[in-house]
Amino acid sequence: MDAWLTDARDRIAETTGVDPTSLALDDDTVGDILELAKVAAHESGERTNAPLVCYLAGLAAGRSGADAADVVDAASARRSD
């Protein structure tokens, strides 16, 4: 993570009482999240959906313990109807 993101992560961890190392982002997760943001912005036609769907995916992964990549895949999937 770059310095700005690391600093933001550390402030979030301090505010929430979460261990900052548990909020580390590996390269695969970063790629998955950025891909989700791209899909949301382009396919929904609303750029504002990108951060919102990423937030929802993060909430779901955090609350369920599901693998982030699986949550991102589910959020990115196109509806068949």
N, C-alpha and C. Protein backbone atom coordinates (compact mmCIF):
# COMPACT_ATOMS: atom_id res chain seq x y z
N MET A 1 0.85 -1.18 0.00
CA MET A 1 0.00 0.00 0.00
C MET A 1 0.89 1.24 0.00
N ASP A 2 0.37 2.28 -0.63
CA ASP A 2 1.13 3.52 -0.63
C ASP A 2 0.98 4.22 0.73
N ALA A 3 1.75 5.28 0.92
CA ALA A 3 1.80 5.94 2.23
C ALA A 3 0.44 6.52 2.63
N TRP A 4 -0.30 7.12 1.68
CA TRP A 4 -1.60 7.71 2.01
C TRP A 4 -2.57 6.64 2.48
N LEU A 5 -2.62 5.54 1.75
CA LEU A 5 -3.55 4.46 2.09
C LEU A 5 -3.17 3.79 3.40
N THR A 6 -1.88 3.63 3.63
CA THR A 6 -1.42 3.06 4.90
C THR A 6 -1.80 3.95 6.06
N ASP A 7 -1.65 5.26 5.89
CA ASP A 7 -2.02 6.20 6.94
C ASP A 7 -3.52 6.15 7.20
N ALA A 8 -4.32 6.11 6.14
CA ALA A 8 -5.77 6.01 6.30
C ALA A 8 -6.14 4.72 7.02
N ARG A 9 -5.51 3.61 6.61
CA ARG A 9 -5.77 2.33 7.26
C ARG A 9 -5.46 2.41 8.75
N ASP A 10 -4.34 3.02 9.10
CA ASP A 10 -3.94 3.12 10.50
C ASP A 10 -4.91 3.98 11.31
N ARG A 11 -5.43 5.06 10.71
CA ARG A 11 -6.42 5.89 11.40
C ARG A 11 -7.73 5.13 11.59
N ILE A 12 -8.13 4.40 10.57
CA ILE A 12 -9.34 3.58 10.68
C ILE A 12 -9.17 2.54 11.78
N ALA A 13 -8.03 1.88 11.81
CA ALA A 13 -7.76 0.87 12.82
C ALA A 13 -7.79 1.48 14.23
N GLU A 14 -7.18 2.63 14.37
CA GLU A 14 -7.16 3.28 15.69
C GLU A 14 -8.57 3.66 16.13
N THR A 15 -9.36 4.19 15.22
CA THR A 15 -10.72 4.61 15.55
C THR A 15 -11.61 3.44 15.91
N THR A 16 -11.42 2.32 15.23
CA THR A 16 -12.30 1.17 15.43
C THR A 16 -11.75 0.14 16.42
N GLY A 17 -10.49 0.28 16.81
CA GLY A 17 -9.89 -0.68 17.71
C GLY A 17 -9.49 -1.98 17.04
N VAL A 18 -9.41 -1.96 15.72
CA VAL A 18 -9.03 -3.13 14.94
C VAL A 18 -7.51 -3.13 14.75
N ASP A 19 -6.93 -4.31 14.78
CA ASP A 19 -5.49 -4.44 14.53
C ASP A 19 -5.22 -4.03 13.07
N PRO A 20 -4.34 -3.04 12.84
CA PRO A 20 -4.09 -2.58 11.48
C PRO A 20 -3.58 -3.67 10.55
N THR A 21 -2.90 -4.65 11.07
CA THR A 21 -2.40 -5.72 10.20
C THR A 21 -3.54 -6.56 9.63
N SER A 22 -4.69 -6.56 10.32
CA SER A 22 -5.84 -7.30 9.79
C SER A 22 -6.50 -6.56 8.63
N LEU A 23 -6.10 -5.33 8.40
CA LEU A 23 -6.65 -4.54 7.31
C LEU A 23 -5.68 -4.43 6.14
N ALA A 24 -4.65 -5.25 6.15
CA ALA A 24 -3.67 -5.21 5.07
C ALA A 24 -4.32 -5.65 3.76
N LEU A 25 -3.93 -5.00 2.68
CA LEU A 25 -4.44 -5.33 1.35
C LEU A 25 -3.32 -5.96 0.53
N ASP A 26 -3.52 -7.21 0.10
CA ASP A 26 -2.52 -7.83 -0.76
C ASP A 26 -2.82 -7.44 -2.21
N ASP A 27 -1.89 -7.69 -3.09
CA ASP A 27 -2.03 -7.28 -4.48
C ASP A 27 -3.25 -7.89 -5.17
N ASP A 28 -3.56 -9.14 -4.85
CA ASP A 28 -4.73 -9.79 -5.46
C ASP A 28 -6.03 -9.11 -5.02
N THR A 29 -6.13 -8.80 -3.74
CA THR A 29 -7.33 -8.14 -3.23
C THR A 29 -7.48 -6.75 -3.84
N VAL A 30 -6.38 -6.02 -3.92
CA VAL A 30 -6.42 -4.69 -4.54
C VAL A 30 -6.92 -4.80 -5.97
N GLY A 31 -6.39 -5.75 -6.71
CA GLY A 31 -6.82 -5.95 -8.09
C GLY A 31 -8.30 -6.29 -8.18
N ASP A 32 -8.78 -7.16 -7.29
CA ASP A 32 -10.19 -7.55 -7.28
C ASP A 32 -11.09 -6.35 -6.99
N ILE A 33 -10.73 -5.56 -6.01
CA ILE A 33 -11.55 -4.41 -5.63
C ILE A 33 -11.57 -3.36 -6.74
N LEU A 34 -10.41 -3.12 -7.33
CA LEU A 34 -10.37 -2.14 -8.43
C LEU A 34 -11.16 -2.62 -9.63
N GLU A 35 -11.13 -3.91 -9.89
CA GLU A 35 -11.93 -4.47 -10.99
C GLU A 35 -13.42 -4.32 -10.69
N LEU A 36 -13.82 -4.58 -9.46
CA LEU A 36 -15.21 -4.40 -9.07
C LEU A 36 -15.64 -2.95 -9.25
N ALA A 37 -14.80 -2.03 -8.84
CA ALA A 37 -15.12 -0.61 -9.00
C ALA A 37 -15.27 -0.25 -10.47
N LYS A 38 -14.40 -0.78 -11.30
CA LYS A 38 -14.47 -0.51 -12.74
C LYS A 38 -15.77 -1.06 -13.33
N VAL A 39 -16.10 -2.30 -12.99
CA VAL A 39 -17.33 -2.91 -13.49
C VAL A 39 -18.54 -2.10 -13.04
N ALA A 40 -18.58 -1.75 -11.78
CA ALA A 40 -19.72 -0.99 -11.25
C ALA A 40 -19.88 0.35 -11.95
N ALA A 41 -18.79 1.05 -12.14
CA ALA A 41 -18.85 2.37 -12.77
C ALA A 41 -19.29 2.28 -14.22
N HIS A 42 -18.76 1.31 -14.93
CA HIS A 42 -19.04 1.21 -16.36
C HIS A 42 -20.39 0.55 -16.66
N GLU A 43 -20.70 -0.53 -15.98
CA GLU A 43 -21.92 -1.26 -16.31
C GLU A 43 -23.17 -0.63 -15.72
N SER A 44 -23.05 0.04 -14.60
CA SER A 44 -24.24 0.65 -14.00
C SER A 44 -24.54 2.01 -14.60
N GLY A 45 -23.54 2.61 -15.22
CA GLY A 45 -23.72 3.95 -15.77
C GLY A 45 -23.62 5.05 -14.74
N GLU A 46 -23.34 4.68 -13.51
CA GLU A 46 -23.21 5.65 -12.42
C GLU A 46 -21.88 5.45 -11.72
N ARG A 47 -20.99 6.41 -11.86
CA ARG A 47 -19.67 6.30 -11.22
C ARG A 47 -19.79 6.18 -9.71
N THR A 48 -20.80 6.78 -9.15
CA THR A 48 -20.96 6.74 -7.69
C THR A 48 -21.25 5.34 -7.18
N ASN A 49 -21.69 4.44 -8.05
CA ASN A 49 -21.92 3.06 -7.61
C ASN A 49 -20.62 2.33 -7.29
N ALA A 50 -19.50 2.77 -7.85
CA ALA A 50 -18.23 2.07 -7.64
C ALA A 50 -17.82 2.04 -6.17
N PRO A 51 -17.71 3.19 -5.49
CA PRO A 51 -17.31 3.10 -4.08
C PRO A 51 -18.39 2.45 -3.22
N LEU A 52 -19.64 2.64 -3.60
CA LEU A 52 -20.72 2.07 -2.78
C LEU A 52 -20.74 0.55 -2.83
N VAL A 53 -20.58 -0.03 -4.02
CA VAL A 53 -20.57 -1.49 -4.11
C VAL A 53 -19.31 -2.06 -3.46
N CYS A 54 -18.21 -1.34 -3.54
CA CYS A 54 -16.99 -1.81 -2.86
C CYS A 54 -17.19 -1.80 -1.35
N TYR A 55 -17.88 -0.80 -0.85
CA TYR A 55 -18.19 -0.74 0.58
C TYR A 55 -19.09 -1.91 0.97
N LEU A 56 -20.14 -2.14 0.17
CA LEU A 56 -21.04 -3.27 0.47
C LEU A 56 -20.29 -4.60 0.45
N ALA A 57 -19.41 -4.77 -0.52
CA ALA A 57 -18.63 -6.01 -0.61
C ALA A 57 -17.74 -6.16 0.63
N GLY A 58 -17.15 -5.07 1.06
CA GLY A 58 -16.30 -5.11 2.25
C GLY A 58 -17.09 -5.44 3.51
N LEU A 59 -18.27 -4.83 3.64
CA LEU A 59 -19.13 -5.15 4.79
C LEU A 59 -19.49 -6.62 4.79
N ALA A 60 -19.90 -7.12 3.63
CA ALA A 60 -20.32 -8.52 3.54
C ALA A 60 -19.17 -9.46 3.85
N ALA A 61 -18.01 -9.19 3.29
CA ALA A 61 -16.84 -10.05 3.55
C ALA A 61 -16.46 -10.02 5.02
N GLY A 62 -16.47 -8.82 5.60
CA GLY A 62 -16.09 -8.69 7.00
C GLY A 62 -17.07 -9.36 7.95
N ARG A 63 -18.33 -9.22 7.66
CA ARG A 63 -19.35 -9.78 8.56
C ARG A 63 -19.52 -11.28 8.40
N SER A 64 -19.29 -11.77 7.19
CA SER A 64 -19.51 -13.19 6.94
C SER A 64 -18.24 -14.02 7.06
N GLY A 65 -17.10 -13.38 6.94
CA GLY A 65 -15.84 -14.11 6.91
C GLY A 65 -15.55 -14.73 5.56
N ALA A 66 -16.38 -14.40 4.56
CA ALA A 66 -16.18 -14.93 3.21
C ALA A 66 -14.90 -14.37 2.61
N ASP A 67 -14.36 -15.11 1.67
CA ASP A 67 -13.17 -14.67 0.96
C ASP A 67 -13.52 -13.43 0.14
N ALA A 68 -12.68 -12.41 0.21
CA ALA A 68 -12.96 -11.16 -0.51
C ALA A 68 -13.12 -11.40 -2.01
N ALA A 69 -12.32 -12.26 -2.59
CA ALA A 69 -12.41 -12.53 -4.03
C ALA A 69 -13.76 -13.12 -4.39
N ASP A 70 -14.31 -13.98 -3.53
CA ASP A 70 -15.62 -14.57 -3.79
C ASP A 70 -16.73 -13.52 -3.74
N VAL A 71 -16.62 -12.61 -2.77
CA VAL A 71 -17.62 -11.54 -2.65
C VAL A 71 -17.53 -10.61 -3.86
N VAL A 72 -16.32 -10.28 -4.27
CA VAL A 72 -16.14 -9.42 -5.44
C VAL A 72 -16.70 -10.10 -6.69
N ASP A 73 -16.44 -11.40 -6.84
CA ASP A 73 -16.98 -12.14 -7.99
C ASP A 73 -18.50 -12.10 -7.99
N ALA A 74 -19.11 -12.28 -6.83
CA ALA A 74 -20.57 -12.26 -6.75
C ALA A 74 -21.12 -10.88 -7.10
N ALA A 75 -20.47 -9.85 -6.60
CA ALA A 75 -20.93 -8.49 -6.87
C ALA A 75 -20.72 -8.10 -8.33
N SER A 76 -19.73 -8.67 -8.96
CA SER A 76 -19.41 -8.35 -10.35
C SER A 76 -20.25 -9.12 -11.36
N ALA A 77 -20.87 -10.20 -10.92
CA ALA A 77 -21.61 -11.07 -11.83
C ALA A 77 -22.79 -10.32 -12.45
N ARG A 78 -22.98 -10.57 -13.72
CA ARG A 78 -24.11 -9.97 -14.41
C ARG A 78 -25.36 -10.79 -14.14
N ARG A 79 -26.47 -10.11 -14.02
CA ARG A 79 -27.74 -10.81 -13.87
C ARG A 79 -28.12 -11.42 -15.20
N SER A 80 -28.72 -12.57 -15.17
CA SER A 80 -29.06 -13.27 -16.40
C SER A 80 -30.44 -12.89 -16.93
N ASP A 81 -31.19 -12.09 -16.18
CA ASP A 81 -32.53 -11.73 -16.66
C ASP A 81 -32.56 -10.38 -17.32
